[in-house]
Amino acid sequence: AHNRVYRFVKRFIDLGFALFVVVYLWWLLAIIWVLVRLQSPGPGIFTQQRVGRNGRMFTCYKFRTMYLGTVQGPTNEVPLSQVTWLGHILRRSKLDELPQVWNIVRNEFSLIGPRPCLPMQTELIETRTGLGVQALKPGISGLSQVEGIEMSEPETLAVNDARYLALQSLQMDAKIMIETVAVVFRSLK
């Protein structure tokens, strides 16, 4: 029963957040989209296949932060020179993640959960699968992100994601959300 209540409340919060962004921040989404389009040739929105809950593939939406033609790969493997000047700002402020409200509406994503990986990150996928982490819906932010664990450390990341799986609760999600906001503010200083 606790799990059902937790999932219901979590989904309610996710949809509330998505609705808030669409209703009150549509103008910010529009401005960022225009700025991305003006800054360098290419689309304003970047789409990428990611591995979701139970290993299902889905299309993840973000504001484009890299130049067109950049080789697709994990963030830690993409040269910083391929990130646009606006892209650096969007990434530091996490504003590049705002289009993921569409993933939330489509029930592919949650505000809090393990970050979805790329299909090529096989070591991470296998370790997460072995630890049961793939049963979780991916999130915009998560325990590993606020603790500074990167995708470049697949084993450590998967083990920490399993820790979240074991401990998840509304209190923990709220704590991660507050810490995410704190991390963003610290990165903007």
C-alpha atoms as a PDB file:
ATOM      1  CA  ALA A   1       0.000   0.000   0.000  1.00  0.00           C
ATOM      2  CA  HIS A   2       2.871   2.379   0.872  1.00  0.00           C
ATOM      3  CA  ASN A   3       4.376   1.814  -2.585  1.00  0.00           C
ATOM      4  CA  ARG A   4       1.074   2.588  -4.324  1.00  0.00           C
ATOM      5  CA  VAL A   5       0.570   5.776  -2.270  1.00  0.00           C
ATOM      6  CA  TYR A   6       4.192   6.811  -2.882  1.00  0.00           C
ATOM      7  CA  ARG A   7       3.876   6.241  -6.655  1.00  0.00           C
ATOM      8  CA  PHE A   8       0.543   8.102  -6.795  1.00  0.00           C
ATOM      9  CA  VAL A   9       1.834  11.132  -4.855  1.00  0.00           C
ATOM     10  CA  LYS A  10       5.098  11.149  -6.846  1.00  0.00           C
ATOM     11  CA  ARG A  11       3.162  11.108 -10.145  1.00  0.00           C
ATOM     12  CA  PHE A  12       0.866  13.877  -8.859  1.00  0.00           C
ATOM     13  CA  ILE A  13       3.918  16.043  -7.968  1.00  0.00           C
ATOM     14  CA  ASP A  14       5.551  15.287 -11.353  1.00  0.00           C
ATOM     15  CA  LEU A  15       2.434  16.320 -13.281  1.00  0.00           C
ATOM     16  CA  GLY A  16       2.002  19.406 -11.066  1.00  0.00           C
ATOM     17  CA  PHE A  17       5.574  20.458 -11.871  1.00  0.00           C
ATOM     18  CA  ALA A  18       5.064  19.852 -15.620  1.00  0.00           C
ATOM     19  CA  LEU A  19       1.820  21.865 -15.565  1.00  0.00           C
ATOM     20  CA  PHE A  20       3.532  24.704 -13.656  1.00  0.00           C
ATOM     21  CA  VAL A  21       6.350  24.869 -16.238  1.00  0.00           C
ATOM     22  CA  VAL A  22       3.944  24.833 -19.201  1.00  0.00           C
ATOM     23  CA  VAL A  23       1.488  27.381 -17.734  1.00  0.00           C
ATOM     24  CA  TYR A  24       3.864  29.783 -15.963  1.00  0.00           C
ATOM     25  CA  LEU A  25       7.230  29.337 -17.693  1.00  0.00           C
ATOM     26  CA  TRP A  26       6.149  28.920 -21.355  1.00  0.00           C
ATOM     27  CA  TRP A  27       7.689  32.334 -22.073  1.00  0.00           C
ATOM     28  CA  LEU A  28      11.071  31.184 -20.685  1.00  0.00           C
ATOM     29  CA  LEU A  29      10.922  28.030 -22.826  1.00  0.00           C
ATOM     30  CA  ALA A  30      10.156  30.196 -25.873  1.00  0.00           C
ATOM     31  CA  ILE A  31      13.011  32.649 -25.140  1.00  0.00           C
ATOM     32  CA  ILE A  32      15.552  29.839 -24.617  1.00  0.00           C
ATOM     33  CA  TRP A  33      14.392  28.111 -27.823  1.00  0.00           C
ATOM     34  CA  VAL A  34      14.839  31.359 -29.816  1.00  0.00           C
ATOM     35  CA  LEU A  35      18.274  32.047 -28.258  1.00  0.00           C
ATOM     36  CA  VAL A  36      19.477  28.507 -29.048  1.00  0.00           C
ATOM     37  CA  ARG A  37      18.286  28.895 -32.658  1.00  0.00           C
ATOM     38  CA  LEU A  38      19.942  32.330 -33.020  1.00  0.00           C
ATOM     39  CA  GLN A  39      23.230  31.280 -31.457  1.00  0.00           C
ATOM     40  CA  SER A  40      24.140  28.457 -33.820  1.00  0.00           C
ATOM     41  CA  PRO A  41      22.547  26.658 -36.786  1.00  0.00           C
ATOM     42  CA  GLY A  42      20.294  23.735 -35.945  1.00  0.00           C
ATOM     43  CA  PRO A  43      17.117  22.907 -34.027  1.00  0.00           C
ATOM     44  CA  GLY A  44      16.276  24.488 -30.671  1.00  0.00           C
ATOM     45  CA  ILE A  45      15.369  21.132 -29.162  1.00  0.00           C
ATOM     46  CA  PHE A  46      17.804  18.226 -29.050  1.00  0.00           C
ATOM     47  CA  THR A  47      16.388  14.694 -29.032  1.00  0.00           C
ATOM     48  CA  GLN A  48      18.276  11.599 -28.003  1.00  0.00           C
ATOM     49  CA  GLN A  49      17.388   7.961 -27.429  1.00  0.00           C
ATOM     50  CA  ARG A  50      17.766   6.979 -23.772  1.00  0.00           C
ATOM     51  CA  VAL A  51      17.213   3.829 -21.761  1.00  0.00           C
ATOM     52  CA  GLY A  52      14.146   4.140 -19.547  1.00  0.00           C
ATOM     53  CA  ARG A  53      12.254   2.037 -17.034  1.00  0.00           C
ATOM     54  CA  ASN A  54      12.656  -1.716 -17.559  1.00  0.00           C
ATOM     55  CA  GLY A  55      15.173  -1.039 -20.347  1.00  0.00           C
ATOM     56  CA  ARG A  56      12.576   0.500 -22.677  1.00  0.00           C
ATOM     57  CA  MET A  57      13.953   3.063 -25.115  1.00  0.00           C
ATOM     58  CA  PHE A  58      12.416   6.537 -25.223  1.00  0.00           C
ATOM     59  CA  THR A  59      13.189   9.908 -26.785  1.00  0.00           C
ATOM     60  CA  CYS A  60      14.592  12.402 -24.275  1.00  0.00           C
ATOM     61  CA  TYR A  61      14.074  16.119 -24.995  1.00  0.00           C
ATOM     62  CA  LYS A  62      16.497  18.893 -24.059  1.00  0.00           C
ATOM     63  CA  PHE A  63      17.452  22.328 -25.303  1.00  0.00           C
ATOM     64  CA  ARG A  64      20.383  21.912 -27.682  1.00  0.00           C
ATOM     65  CA  THR A  65      23.631  22.875 -25.938  1.00  0.00           C
ATOM     66  CA  MET A  66      26.105  21.632 -28.553  1.00  0.00           C
ATOM     67  CA  TYR A  67      26.984  22.536 -32.104  1.00  0.00           C
ATOM     68  CA  LEU A  68      25.216  20.630 -34.847  1.00  0.00           C
ATOM     69  CA  GLY A  69      27.158  17.541 -35.915  1.00  0.00           C
ATOM     70  CA  THR A  70      28.697  16.866 -32.490  1.00  0.00           C
ATOM     71  CA  VAL A  71      29.262  13.129 -32.021  1.00  0.00           C
ATOM     72  CA  GLN A  72      26.596  11.641 -29.744  1.00  0.00           C
ATOM     73  CA  GLY A  73      27.975  10.286 -26.511  1.00  0.00           C
ATOM     74  CA  PRO A  74      27.906  10.595 -22.728  1.00  0.00           C
ATOM     75  CA  THR A  75      28.339  14.190 -21.526  1.00  0.00           C
ATOM     76  CA  ASN A  76      31.711  13.403 -19.928  1.00  0.00           C
ATOM     77  CA  GLU A  77      33.043  12.202 -23.319  1.00  0.00           C
ATOM     78  CA  VAL A  78      31.951  15.236 -25.374  1.00  0.00           C
ATOM     79  CA  PRO A  79      34.725  17.869 -25.731  1.00  0.00           C
ATOM     80  CA  LEU A  80      33.829  21.155 -24.019  1.00  0.00           C
ATOM     81  CA  SER A  81      34.733  22.958 -27.270  1.00  0.00           C
ATOM     82  CA  GLN A  82      31.600  21.383 -28.807  1.00  0.00           C
ATOM     83  CA  VAL A  83      29.346  23.070 -26.224  1.00  0.00           C
ATOM     84  CA  THR A  84      28.061  26.511 -27.262  1.00  0.00           C
ATOM     85  CA  TRP A  85      28.542  29.512 -24.933  1.00  0.00           C
ATOM     86  CA  LEU A  86      24.789  29.510 -24.275  1.00  0.00           C
ATOM     87  CA  GLY A  87      24.984  25.732 -23.809  1.00  0.00           C
ATOM     88  CA  HIS A  88      27.445  26.194 -20.924  1.00  0.00           C
ATOM     89  CA  ILE A  89      24.958  28.532 -19.185  1.00  0.00           C
ATOM     90  CA  LEU A  90      21.984  26.228 -19.847  1.00  0.00           C
ATOM     91  CA  ARG A  91      23.870  23.192 -18.525  1.00  0.00           C
ATOM     92  CA  ARG A  92      25.131  24.939 -15.375  1.00  0.00           C
ATOM     93  CA  SER A  93      21.640  26.281 -14.600  1.00  0.00           C
ATOM     94  CA  LYS A  94      19.988  22.962 -15.646  1.00  0.00           C
ATOM     95  CA  LEU A  95      17.627  24.982 -17.867  1.00  0.00           C
ATOM     96  CA  ASP A  96      18.555  22.668 -20.760  1.00  0.00           C
ATOM     97  CA  GLU A  97      16.491  19.994 -18.962  1.00  0.00           C
ATOM     98  CA  LEU A  98      13.194  21.970 -19.027  1.00  0.00           C
ATOM     99  CA  PRO A  99      11.842  20.322 -22.227  1.00  0.00           C
ATOM    100  CA  GLN A 100      11.857  17.045 -20.266  1.00  0.00           C
ATOM    101  CA  VAL A 101       8.502  18.132 -18.829  1.00  0.00           C
ATOM    102  CA  TRP A 102       7.169  16.515 -22.028  1.00  0.00           C
ATOM    103  CA  ASN A 103       8.838  13.250 -20.928  1.00  0.00           C
ATOM    104  CA  ILE A 104       7.152  13.679 -17.531  1.00  0.00           C
ATOM    105  CA  VAL A 105       3.733  14.162 -19.154  1.00  0.00           C
ATOM    106  CA  ARG A 106       4.342  11.010 -21.237  1.00  0.00           C
ATOM    107  CA  ASN A 107       5.142   9.108 -17.991  1.00  0.00           C
ATOM    108  CA  GLU A 108       8.673   8.263 -19.202  1.00  0.00           C
ATOM    109  CA  PHE A 109      10.327  10.448 -16.601  1.00  0.00           C
ATOM    110  CA  SER A 110      10.008  11.681 -13.035  1.00  0.00           C
ATOM    111  CA  LEU A 111      11.470  14.727 -11.306  1.00  0.00           C
ATOM    112  CA  ILE A 112      13.583  12.440  -9.108  1.00  0.00           C
ATOM    113  CA  GLY A 113      15.140   9.143 -10.179  1.00  0.00           C
ATOM    114  CA  PRO A 114      18.335   7.789 -11.731  1.00  0.00           C
ATOM    115  CA  ARG A 115      19.491   9.739 -14.781  1.00  0.00           C
ATOM    116  CA  PRO A 116      18.661   7.807 -17.963  1.00  0.00           C
ATOM    117  CA  CYS A 117      21.710   6.544 -19.815  1.00  0.00           C
ATOM    118  CA  LEU A 118      22.487   6.084 -23.496  1.00  0.00           C
ATOM    119  CA  PRO A 119      22.051   2.650 -25.137  1.00  0.00           C
ATOM    120  CA  MET A 120      25.849   2.524 -25.680  1.00  0.00           C
ATOM    121  CA  GLN A 121      26.531   2.660 -21.913  1.00  0.00           C
ATOM    122  CA  THR A 122      26.308  -1.132 -21.637  1.00  0.00           C
ATOM    123  CA  GLU A 123      28.338  -1.511 -18.424  1.00  0.00           C
ATOM    124  CA  LEU A 124      25.994   0.875 -16.596  1.00  0.00           C
ATOM    125  CA  ILE A 125      22.878  -0.804 -18.046  1.00  0.00           C
ATOM    126  CA  GLU A 126      24.083  -4.292 -17.073  1.00  0.00           C
ATOM    127  CA  THR A 127      25.054  -3.236 -13.539  1.00  0.00           C
ATOM    128  CA  ARG A 128      21.774  -1.345 -13.015  1.00  0.00           C
ATOM    129  CA  THR A 129      19.805  -4.352 -14.335  1.00  0.00           C
ATOM    130  CA  GLY A 130      21.627  -6.692 -11.950  1.00  0.00           C
ATOM    131  CA  LEU A 131      20.824  -4.382  -9.013  1.00  0.00           C
ATOM    132  CA  GLY A 132      17.142  -3.928  -9.989  1.00  0.00           C
ATOM    133  CA  VAL A 133      17.591  -0.200 -10.734  1.00  0.00           C
ATOM    134  CA  GLN A 134      16.076  -0.541 -14.240  1.00  0.00           C
ATOM    135  CA  ALA A 135      12.670  -0.990 -12.540  1.00  0.00           C
ATOM    136  CA  LEU A 136      12.779   2.727 -11.621  1.00  0.00           C
ATOM    137  CA  LYS A 137      11.497   5.537 -13.795  1.00  0.00           C
ATOM    138  CA  PRO A 138      14.450   7.803 -14.719  1.00  0.00           C
ATOM    139  CA  GLY A 139      14.555  11.325 -13.325  1.00  0.00           C
ATOM    140  CA  ILE A 140      15.643  14.853 -14.177  1.00  0.00           C
ATOM    141  CA  SER A 141      17.735  14.793 -10.986  1.00  0.00           C
ATOM    142  CA  GLY A 142      18.648  12.066  -8.562  1.00  0.00           C
ATOM    143  CA  LEU A 143      20.673  10.997  -5.557  1.00  0.00           C
ATOM    144  CA  SER A 144      23.807  10.344  -7.629  1.00  0.00           C
ATOM    145  CA  GLN A 145      23.618  13.790  -9.274  1.00  0.00           C
ATOM    146  CA  VAL A 146      23.431  15.698  -5.989  1.00  0.00           C
ATOM    147  CA  GLU A 147      26.269  13.550  -4.623  1.00  0.00           C
ATOM    148  CA  GLY A 148      28.410  14.393  -7.678  1.00  0.00           C
ATOM    149  CA  ILE A 149      28.659  10.846  -9.074  1.00  0.00           C
ATOM    150  CA  GLU A 150      29.141  10.972 -12.833  1.00  0.00           C
ATOM    151  CA  MET A 151      28.224   8.562 -15.642  1.00  0.00           C
ATOM    152  CA  SER A 152      31.991   8.056 -16.098  1.00  0.00           C
ATOM    153  CA  GLU A 153      31.866   5.895 -12.931  1.00  0.00           C
ATOM    154  CA  PRO A 154      29.240   3.302 -14.008  1.00  0.00           C
ATOM    155  CA  GLU A 155      29.780   0.853 -11.119  1.00  0.00           C
ATOM    156  CA  THR A 156      29.660   3.547  -8.407  1.00  0.00           C
ATOM    157  CA  LEU A 157      26.685   5.214 -10.111  1.00  0.00           C
ATOM    158  CA  ALA A 158      24.678   1.973 -10.348  1.00  0.00           C
ATOM    159  CA  VAL A 159      25.388   1.070  -6.700  1.00  0.00           C
ATOM    160  CA  ASN A 160      24.275   4.546  -5.573  1.00  0.00           C
ATOM    161  CA  ASP A 161      21.145   4.300  -7.749  1.00  0.00           C
ATOM    162  CA  ALA A 162      20.414   0.965  -6.004  1.00  0.00           C
ATOM    163  CA  ARG A 163      20.773   2.797  -2.673  1.00  0.00           C
ATOM    164  CA  TYR A 164      18.086   5.240  -3.863  1.00  0.00           C
ATOM    165  CA  LEU A 165      15.879   2.291  -4.913  1.00  0.00           C
ATOM    166  CA  ALA A 166      16.154   0.825  -1.397  1.00  0.00           C
ATOM    167  CA  LEU A 167      15.586   4.125   0.451  1.00  0.00           C
ATOM    168  CA  GLN A 168      13.168   6.008  -1.814  1.00  0.00           C
ATOM    169  CA  SER A 169      10.454   7.981  -0.058  1.00  0.00           C
ATOM    170  CA  LEU A 170       8.711  11.328  -0.441  1.00  0.00           C
ATOM    171  CA  GLN A 171      11.058  12.789   2.216  1.00  0.00           C
ATOM    172  CA  MET A 172      14.122  11.571   0.322  1.00  0.00           C
ATOM    173  CA  ASP A 173      12.749  12.932  -2.983  1.00  0.00           C
ATOM    174  CA  ALA A 174      12.098  16.308  -1.318  1.00  0.00           C
ATOM    175  CA  LYS A 175      15.644  16.328   0.105  1.00  0.00           C
ATOM    176  CA  ILE A 176      17.121  15.539  -3.340  1.00  0.00           C
ATOM    177  CA  MET A 177      14.962  18.292  -4.913  1.00  0.00           C
ATOM    178  CA  ILE A 178      16.174  20.882  -2.370  1.00  0.00           C
ATOM    179  CA  GLU A 179      19.790  19.752  -2.821  1.00  0.00           C
ATOM    180  CA  THR A 180      19.400  19.962  -6.640  1.00  0.00           C
ATOM    181  CA  VAL A 181      18.272  23.595  -6.344  1.00  0.00           C
ATOM    182  CA  ALA A 182      21.221  24.289  -3.984  1.00  0.00           C
ATOM    183  CA  VAL A 183      23.691  22.657  -6.431  1.00  0.00           C
ATOM    184  CA  VAL A 184      22.309  24.771  -9.308  1.00  0.00           C
ATOM    185  CA  PHE A 185      22.626  27.989  -7.275  1.00  0.00           C
ATOM    186  CA  ARG A 186      26.186  27.116  -6.223  1.00  0.00           C
ATOM    187  CA  SER A 187      27.153  26.433  -9.859  1.00  0.00           C
ATOM    188  CA  LEU A 188      25.825  29.836 -10.956  1.00  0.00           C
ATOM    189  CA  LYS A 189      28.006  31.801  -8.530  1.00  0.00           C
END
